[in-house]
Amino acid sequence: MSEQEKNITFAYWVPNVSGGLVVSNIEQRTDWSYEYNVRLAQTAEKNGFDYALTQIRFTAGYGADNQHESVSFSHGLLAKTERLKVIAAILPGPWKPALAAKQLATIDHLSGGRIAVNVVSGWFRGEFYAIGEEWPEHDQRYVRSEEFIRALKGVWTQDQFSLDGKYYQFKDYTLKPKPLQKPHIEIFQGGSSRAARDMASRVSDWYFTNGNTPEEIKKQIDDIREKAKANNHSVKIGVNAFIIARDTEQEAQAVLQEIIDKANIQAVHAFGDATREAGASSIEGEGNWAKSTFEDLVQYNDGFKTNLIGTPQQIAERIVELKSVGVDLILSGFLHFIEEVEYFGQKILPLVRQLEAQQQVVIAAKSA
């Protein structure tokens, strides 16, 4: 089955940190508690979501005063669901690959093969300083992450695994039991810099990019996939999107405007300063948020840029357009998570599947 024949998949950001997914003082019927998140996870898997992504934060900031740890929280959600796969975000530095490999392999057995991992190279220097962790310069953080991923893969697939890296070393190490998932637990990563794309093209199963237009996303996808092919590797693409679906376009746009109008101005500027500092140290002199406006930064990962804002029909058509440029997964955020995830499953997902089916008929006719 070709990539175009596969249905696009959906993930959602787990609100395991306070403040929701926007840096705004708007009312949100979203909560960071375990009880709320269990209900959300159960709602999501009943409404067509395949993945949930927990967030990793060690310190307060940018409207997120409280944070539940990602790996243990992921395990808690897996225990209360049946089909959903939960992606635990981890940071090289605080985590060492030997611990992560063993921790995640155990959760894989406990959950029946439903854990995944998102290796976060890090952009928030203040957080690393606060907990006494080394802060390598930008591209070296990706060198470290790549070693981390190679270590995970090696430990999960080989006996007597050895690695003599700059950051991590293994000598004849055998992990047992190995994960249930074969060849190994799925590995996600994010980033939009050249270093991030190059790493994805060598070692990652999935690459998350910030929200953007289909044209700009296609440029990244083409770059990654061309490099991956040269490396005899393949990588799938996930795109961040903050979804505002309402019965009319006017209602959806009004919600967007209210989020921006009620933005936490100080927190948004602080977030922007931190991201610009991180990006300035990359070789190209810019990072994920280099071209983001104040309005874009109100949603952490440029989710407004993807423009999944409007009626169910408009959003479904834009999702299928993203699929046509090579997107495999939409990583979704919402204002009021539980009810909006349910609305998505009832009103938008059926339209997406209908449009995908129509698209396949056209492709089949052309190839006949």
Protein backbone atom coordinates (compact mmCIF):
# COMPACT_ATOMS: atom_id res chain seq x y z
CA MET A 1 0.00 0.00 0.00
CA SER A 2 1.43 3.40 -1.01
CA GLU A 3 1.61 6.31 1.43
CA GLN A 4 -1.22 8.04 -0.43
CA GLU A 5 -3.44 5.00 0.05
CA LYS A 6 -3.03 4.98 3.82
CA ASN A 7 -5.46 7.00 5.90
CA ILE A 8 -3.99 9.97 7.71
CA THR A 9 -3.76 9.38 11.47
CA PHE A 10 -4.47 11.65 14.41
CA ALA A 11 -2.74 12.37 17.70
CA TYR A 12 -3.52 14.85 20.44
CA TRP A 13 -1.37 16.75 22.90
CA VAL A 14 -1.94 15.42 26.41
CA PRO A 15 -2.60 18.36 28.77
CA ASN A 16 -0.43 16.93 31.54
CA VAL A 17 0.79 20.47 32.23
CA SER A 18 -1.44 23.29 33.45
CA GLY A 19 -2.52 26.17 31.23
CA GLY A 20 -3.84 24.18 28.29
CA LEU A 21 -2.29 24.50 24.84
CA VAL A 22 -2.50 28.29 24.47
CA VAL A 23 -0.67 31.02 26.36
CA SER A 24 -3.88 32.90 27.00
CA ASN A 25 -6.17 33.87 29.85
CA ILE A 26 -9.23 32.72 27.92
CA GLU A 27 -11.50 30.33 29.80
CA GLN A 28 -10.54 26.71 29.05
CA ARG A 29 -12.54 23.66 30.05
CA THR A 30 -9.30 21.69 29.96
CA ASP A 31 -7.61 20.38 33.09
CA TRP A 32 -4.17 18.93 33.75
CA SER A 33 -5.35 16.43 36.38
CA TYR A 34 -5.04 12.69 35.94
CA GLU A 35 -8.79 12.21 36.27
CA TYR A 36 -9.52 14.65 33.45
CA ASN A 37 -6.82 13.12 31.26
CA VAL A 38 -8.17 9.60 31.73
CA ARG A 39 -11.58 10.76 30.51
CA LEU A 40 -9.93 12.56 27.62
CA ALA A 41 -7.86 9.52 26.60
CA GLN A 42 -10.93 7.29 26.65
CA THR A 43 -12.88 9.86 24.63
CA ALA A 44 -10.04 10.20 22.12
CA GLU A 45 -9.67 6.51 21.39
CA LYS A 46 -13.44 6.23 20.87
CA ASN A 47 -13.31 9.12 18.40
CA GLY A 48 -10.61 7.97 16.01
CA PHE A 49 -7.37 9.13 17.64
CA ASP A 50 -4.48 6.68 17.40
CA TYR A 51 -1.84 8.50 19.46
CA ALA A 52 -1.56 10.82 22.46
CA LEU A 53 1.63 12.82 23.18
CA THR A 54 2.56 13.67 26.75
CA GLN A 55 4.64 16.79 27.37
CA ILE A 56 7.87 17.02 29.34
CA ARG A 57 8.47 20.06 31.52
CA PHE A 58 10.70 20.24 34.59
CA THR A 59 10.08 23.84 35.60
CA ALA A 60 7.21 26.29 35.57
CA GLY A 61 6.98 28.85 32.82
CA TYR A 62 4.87 30.34 30.01
CA GLY A 63 1.60 29.75 31.78
CA ALA A 64 2.38 26.15 32.81
CA ASP A 65 2.80 26.35 36.59
CA ASN A 66 2.25 22.63 37.23
CA GLN A 67 3.58 19.64 35.30
CA HIS A 68 3.07 15.89 35.66
CA GLU A 69 6.11 13.82 34.62
CA SER A 70 5.64 12.38 31.15
CA VAL A 71 6.67 8.70 31.34
CA SER A 72 4.77 7.80 34.50
CA PHE A 73 1.78 9.83 33.28
CA SER A 74 1.85 7.98 29.96
CA HIS A 75 1.82 4.67 31.79
CA GLY A 76 -1.15 5.86 33.85
CA LEU A 77 -3.12 6.65 30.69
CA LEU A 78 -2.21 3.32 29.09
CA ALA A 79 -3.59 1.50 32.12
CA LYS A 80 -7.00 3.11 31.53
CA THR A 81 -7.26 2.68 27.75
CA GLU A 82 -7.43 -0.23 25.34
CA ARG A 83 -6.21 0.87 21.91
CA LEU A 84 -4.57 4.30 22.20
CA LYS A 85 -0.79 4.45 21.82
CA VAL A 86 0.80 7.01 24.15
CA ILE A 87 4.01 8.80 23.18
CA ALA A 88 6.13 9.71 26.22
CA ALA A 89 8.33 12.78 25.76
CA ILE A 90 11.82 12.46 27.24
CA LEU A 91 14.88 14.71 27.34
CA PRO A 92 18.41 13.40 26.82
CA GLY A 93 20.35 14.80 29.75
CA PRO A 94 17.86 14.21 32.56
CA TRP A 95 17.27 10.74 31.06
CA LYS A 96 20.07 8.33 30.24
CA PRO A 97 19.39 5.83 27.44
CA ALA A 98 19.91 2.76 29.62
CA LEU A 99 17.20 3.89 32.04
CA ALA A 100 14.84 5.01 29.27
CA ALA A 101 15.28 1.77 27.33
CA LYS A 102 14.49 -0.39 30.35
CA GLN A 103 11.68 1.84 31.62
CA LEU A 104 9.94 1.93 28.23
CA ALA A 105 10.45 -1.78 27.53
CA THR A 106 8.70 -2.59 30.80
CA ILE A 107 5.81 -0.26 29.99
CA ASP A 108 5.59 -1.86 26.55
CA HIS A 109 4.97 -5.22 28.20
CA LEU A 110 2.52 -3.80 30.73
CA SER A 111 0.51 -2.03 28.01
CA GLY A 112 0.52 -4.73 25.36
CA GLY A 113 2.84 -2.83 23.03
CA ARG A 114 1.28 0.65 23.17
CA ILE A 115 4.10 2.93 24.36
CA ALA A 116 6.13 5.17 22.05
CA VAL A 117 8.80 7.79 22.77
CA ASN A 118 9.37 11.37 21.64
CA VAL A 119 13.05 12.32 22.04
CA VAL A 120 13.13 16.06 22.75
CA SER A 121 16.52 17.67 22.11
CA GLY A 122 15.62 20.74 24.18
CA TRP A 123 15.16 24.43 23.52
CA PHE A 124 14.64 25.89 27.03
CA ARG A 125 18.10 26.62 28.42
CA GLY A 126 16.76 27.97 31.72
CA GLU A 127 15.16 24.63 32.48
CA PHE A 128 18.43 22.74 32.02
CA TYR A 129 20.31 25.25 34.16
CA ALA A 130 17.68 25.04 36.89
CA ILE A 131 18.18 21.29 37.31
CA GLY A 132 21.94 21.32 36.87
CA GLU A 133 22.06 19.66 33.46
CA GLU A 134 24.62 20.29 30.73
CA TRP A 135 23.42 22.53 27.88
CA PRO A 136 25.36 21.70 24.70
CA GLU A 137 25.15 24.16 21.82
CA HIS A 138 22.31 23.71 19.33
CA ASP A 139 23.69 21.17 16.85
CA GLN A 140 25.45 19.22 19.60
CA ARG A 141 22.08 18.69 21.26
CA TYR A 142 21.05 16.85 18.11
CA VAL A 143 24.30 14.88 18.10
CA ARG A 144 23.44 13.82 21.65
CA SER A 145 19.85 12.97 20.70
CA GLU A 146 20.98 10.91 17.73
CA GLU A 147 23.33 8.92 19.96
CA PHE A 148 20.47 8.52 22.42
CA ILE A 149 18.20 7.11 19.69
CA ARG A 150 20.91 4.82 18.33
CA ALA A 151 21.42 3.54 21.88
CA LEU A 152 17.69 2.88 22.34
CA LYS A 153 17.48 1.02 19.04
CA GLY A 154 20.59 -0.99 19.78
CA VAL A 155 19.53 -1.99 23.28
CA TRP A 156 16.03 -2.91 22.09
CA THR A 157 17.13 -5.03 19.11
CA GLN A 158 20.56 -6.51 19.95
CA ASP A 159 22.22 -8.64 22.59
CA GLN A 160 25.66 -7.64 23.84
CA PHE A 161 25.16 -4.15 22.46
CA SER A 162 28.17 -1.82 22.43
CA LEU A 163 28.42 1.88 21.64
CA ASP A 164 31.40 4.20 21.99
CA GLY A 165 29.84 7.61 21.53
CA LYS A 166 30.69 11.12 22.57
CA TYR A 167 27.82 11.25 25.06
CA TYR A 168 26.90 7.61 25.73
CA GLN A 169 28.84 4.39 26.06
CA PHE A 170 27.67 0.76 26.26
CA LYS A 171 29.80 -2.36 26.51
CA ASP A 172 28.31 -5.79 25.76
CA TYR A 173 24.96 -4.83 27.30
CA THR A 174 21.94 -7.11 26.93
CA LEU A 175 18.46 -5.93 27.92
CA LYS A 176 15.86 -8.57 28.72
CA PRO A 177 13.00 -8.67 28.20
CA LYS A 178 13.13 -6.68 25.02
CA PRO A 179 10.01 -4.69 23.99
CA LEU A 180 6.99 -6.46 22.54
CA GLN A 181 6.96 -4.08 19.55
CA LYS A 182 9.15 -5.16 16.65
CA PRO A 183 11.60 -4.15 15.48
CA HIS A 184 11.41 -1.71 18.39
CA ILE A 185 9.26 0.88 20.15
CA GLU A 186 8.35 3.73 17.78
CA ILE A 187 10.65 6.75 18.05
CA PHE A 188 9.41 10.28 17.39
CA GLN A 189 11.36 13.55 17.36
CA GLY A 190 10.61 17.19 16.63
CA GLY A 191 12.34 20.29 15.33
CA SER A 192 12.52 22.35 12.16
CA SER A 193 16.25 23.16 11.96
CA ARG A 194 18.58 21.56 9.47
CA ALA A 195 20.13 19.52 12.29
CA ALA A 196 16.71 18.21 13.31
CA ARG A 197 15.74 17.25 9.77
CA ASP A 198 19.08 15.56 9.15
CA MET A 199 18.76 13.53 12.35
CA ALA A 200 15.27 12.43 11.37
CA SER A 201 16.52 11.32 7.97
CA ARG A 202 19.00 8.98 9.66
CA VAL A 203 17.42 7.51 12.78
CA SER A 204 13.85 8.51 13.66
CA ASP A 205 10.62 6.72 12.76
CA TRP A 206 8.57 9.92 12.96
CA TYR A 207 9.35 13.63 12.61
CA PHE A 208 7.12 16.29 14.17
CA THR A 209 7.25 19.75 12.66
CA ASN A 210 5.64 22.99 13.81
CA GLY A 211 2.45 24.16 12.18
CA ASN A 212 2.75 25.83 8.78
CA THR A 213 1.16 26.17 5.35
CA PRO A 214 1.05 23.11 3.07
CA GLU A 215 3.63 24.77 0.81
CA GLU A 216 6.15 25.31 3.59
CA ILE A 217 5.52 21.89 5.13
CA LYS A 218 6.10 20.25 1.74
CA LYS A 219 9.56 21.87 1.52
CA GLN A 220 10.55 20.25 4.82
CA ILE A 221 9.05 16.90 3.89
CA ASP A 222 10.77 16.79 0.51
CA ASP A 223 14.10 17.65 2.14
CA ILE A 224 13.76 14.99 4.84
CA ARG A 225 12.58 12.24 2.53
CA GLU A 226 15.25 12.89 -0.08
CA LYS A 227 17.94 12.64 2.60
CA ALA A 228 16.28 9.61 4.21
CA LYS A 229 16.23 7.78 0.88
CA ALA A 230 19.95 8.42 0.48
CA ASN A 231 20.42 6.94 3.97
CA ASN A 232 18.29 3.88 3.11
CA HIS A 233 15.89 5.04 5.79
CA SER A 234 12.22 6.09 5.86
CA VAL A 235 10.49 8.55 8.16
CA LYS A 236 6.86 9.54 8.66
CA ILE A 237 5.74 13.13 9.20
CA GLY A 238 3.50 14.63 11.87
CA VAL A 239 2.36 18.27 11.79
CA ASN A 240 1.19 20.36 14.73
CA ALA A 241 -2.24 21.97 14.46
CA PHE A 242 -4.49 23.78 16.92
CA ILE A 243 -7.98 22.85 15.78
CA ILE A 244 -10.90 25.24 16.23
CA ALA A 245 -13.95 23.59 14.69
CA ARG A 246 -17.31 25.27 14.94
CA ASP A 247 -20.59 25.06 13.01
CA THR A 248 -19.76 28.29 11.16
CA GLU A 249 -16.49 29.86 10.06
CA GLN A 250 -17.44 33.08 11.85
CA GLU A 251 -17.76 31.25 15.18
CA ALA A 252 -14.37 29.58 14.72
CA GLN A 253 -12.62 32.82 13.80
CA ALA A 254 -14.22 34.57 16.77
CA VAL A 255 -12.76 31.94 19.12
CA LEU A 256 -9.32 32.37 17.57
CA GLN A 257 -9.52 36.12 17.98
CA GLU A 258 -10.61 35.81 21.60
CA ILE A 259 -7.66 33.52 22.36
CA ILE A 260 -5.27 36.08 20.88
CA ASP A 261 -7.01 39.09 22.45
CA LYS A 262 -6.72 37.46 25.90
CA ALA A 263 -3.12 36.31 25.40
CA ASN A 264 -0.83 36.39 28.42
CA ILE A 265 1.40 39.07 26.88
CA GLN A 266 4.30 38.73 29.32
CA ALA A 267 4.39 34.94 29.01
CA VAL A 268 4.19 35.03 25.21
CA HIS A 269 7.10 37.50 24.99
CA ALA A 270 9.16 35.41 27.43
CA PHE A 271 8.49 32.29 25.37
CA GLY A 272 9.44 34.12 22.19
CA ASP A 273 12.70 35.35 23.72
CA ALA A 274 13.64 31.85 24.87
CA THR A 275 12.92 30.28 21.48
CA ARG A 276 14.80 32.97 19.56
CA GLU A 277 17.81 32.48 21.81
CA ALA A 278 17.73 28.74 21.17
CA GLY A 279 17.35 29.17 17.41
CA ALA A 280 20.10 31.78 17.11
CA SER A 281 22.67 29.14 18.08
CA SER A 282 21.82 26.90 15.12
CA ILE A 283 24.02 27.03 12.03
CA GLU A 284 21.27 28.68 9.99
CA GLY A 285 20.75 31.18 12.81
CA GLU A 286 17.09 30.39 13.32
CA GLY A 287 14.98 27.72 14.92
CA ASN A 288 11.42 26.42 15.01
CA TRP A 289 9.87 29.79 15.80
CA ALA A 290 12.11 32.12 13.73
CA LYS A 291 9.28 33.38 11.53
CA SER A 292 6.55 33.26 14.19
CA THR A 293 4.57 36.40 15.00
CA PHE A 294 3.24 37.26 18.45
CA GLU A 295 -0.10 35.78 17.42
CA ASP A 296 1.59 32.54 16.31
CA LEU A 297 3.42 32.19 19.63
CA VAL A 298 0.18 32.26 21.61
CA GLN A 299 0.03 28.58 20.59
CA TYR A 300 3.32 26.90 21.53
CA ASN A 301 4.08 25.12 18.27
CA ASP A 302 2.64 27.45 15.64
CA GLY A 303 -0.61 25.51 15.65
CA PHE A 304 -2.66 28.42 14.28
CA LYS A 305 -0.48 28.49 11.13
CA THR A 306 -1.79 25.12 9.97
CA ASN A 307 -5.20 26.80 9.67
CA LEU A 308 -7.43 23.95 10.81
CA ILE A 309 -9.86 26.62 11.90
CA GLY A 310 -13.38 26.79 10.51
CA THR A 311 -16.25 24.45 9.73
CA PRO A 312 -15.90 20.64 9.73
CA GLN A 313 -15.93 20.65 5.91
CA GLN A 314 -13.21 23.31 5.66
CA ILE A 315 -11.02 21.52 8.19
CA ALA A 316 -11.48 18.11 6.55
CA GLU A 317 -10.50 19.53 3.15
CA ARG A 318 -7.37 21.15 4.61
CA ILE A 319 -6.39 17.91 6.37
CA VAL A 320 -6.61 16.01 3.07
CA GLU A 321 -4.55 18.76 1.42
CA LEU A 322 -1.87 18.24 4.08
CA LYS A 323 -1.96 14.53 3.37
CA SER A 324 -1.42 15.25 -0.34
CA VAL A 325 1.91 16.98 0.39
CA GLY A 326 3.14 14.03 2.47
CA VAL A 327 1.77 14.51 6.00
CA ASP A 328 1.03 11.21 7.78
CA LEU A 329 -0.31 12.48 11.11
CA ILE A 330 -1.98 15.57 12.56
CA LEU A 331 -0.86 16.39 16.12
CA SER A 332 -3.87 18.23 17.50
CA GLY A 333 -4.47 20.74 20.24
CA PHE A 334 -7.87 22.05 21.35
CA LEU A 335 -9.25 24.75 23.63
CA HIS A 336 -11.81 22.56 25.44
CA PHE A 337 -10.28 19.15 24.91
CA ILE A 338 -12.90 16.54 25.80
CA GLU A 339 -15.90 18.07 24.05
CA GLU A 340 -13.85 19.22 21.03
CA VAL A 341 -12.19 15.81 20.57
CA GLU A 342 -15.69 14.33 20.57
CA TYR A 343 -16.89 16.95 18.05
CA PHE A 344 -13.87 16.12 15.87
CA GLY A 345 -14.68 12.41 15.90
CA GLN A 346 -18.35 12.95 15.10
CA LYS A 347 -18.23 15.83 12.62
CA ILE A 348 -14.77 16.01 11.01
CA LEU A 349 -13.25 12.53 10.90
CA PRO A 350 -16.08 11.02 8.79
CA LEU A 351 -15.60 13.81 6.25
CA VAL A 352 -11.84 13.20 6.15
CA ARG A 353 -12.38 9.48 5.48
CA GLN A 354 -14.95 10.29 2.79
CA LEU A 355 -12.57 12.69 1.04
CA GLU A 356 -9.73 10.17 1.28
CA ALA A 357 -11.91 7.50 -0.32
CA GLN A 358 -12.85 9.89 -3.14
CA GLN A 359 -9.17 10.70 -3.62
CA GLN A 360 -8.36 7.00 -3.95
CA VAL A 361 -11.02 6.55 -6.62
CA VAL A 362 -9.40 9.34 -8.66
CA ILE A 363 -5.92 7.85 -8.21
CA ALA A 364 -7.16 4.40 -9.20
CA ALA A 365 -8.88 5.80 -12.29
CA LYS A 366 -5.72 7.58 -13.40
CA SER A 367 -3.60 4.44 -13.00
CA ALA A 368 -6.13 2.15 -14.77
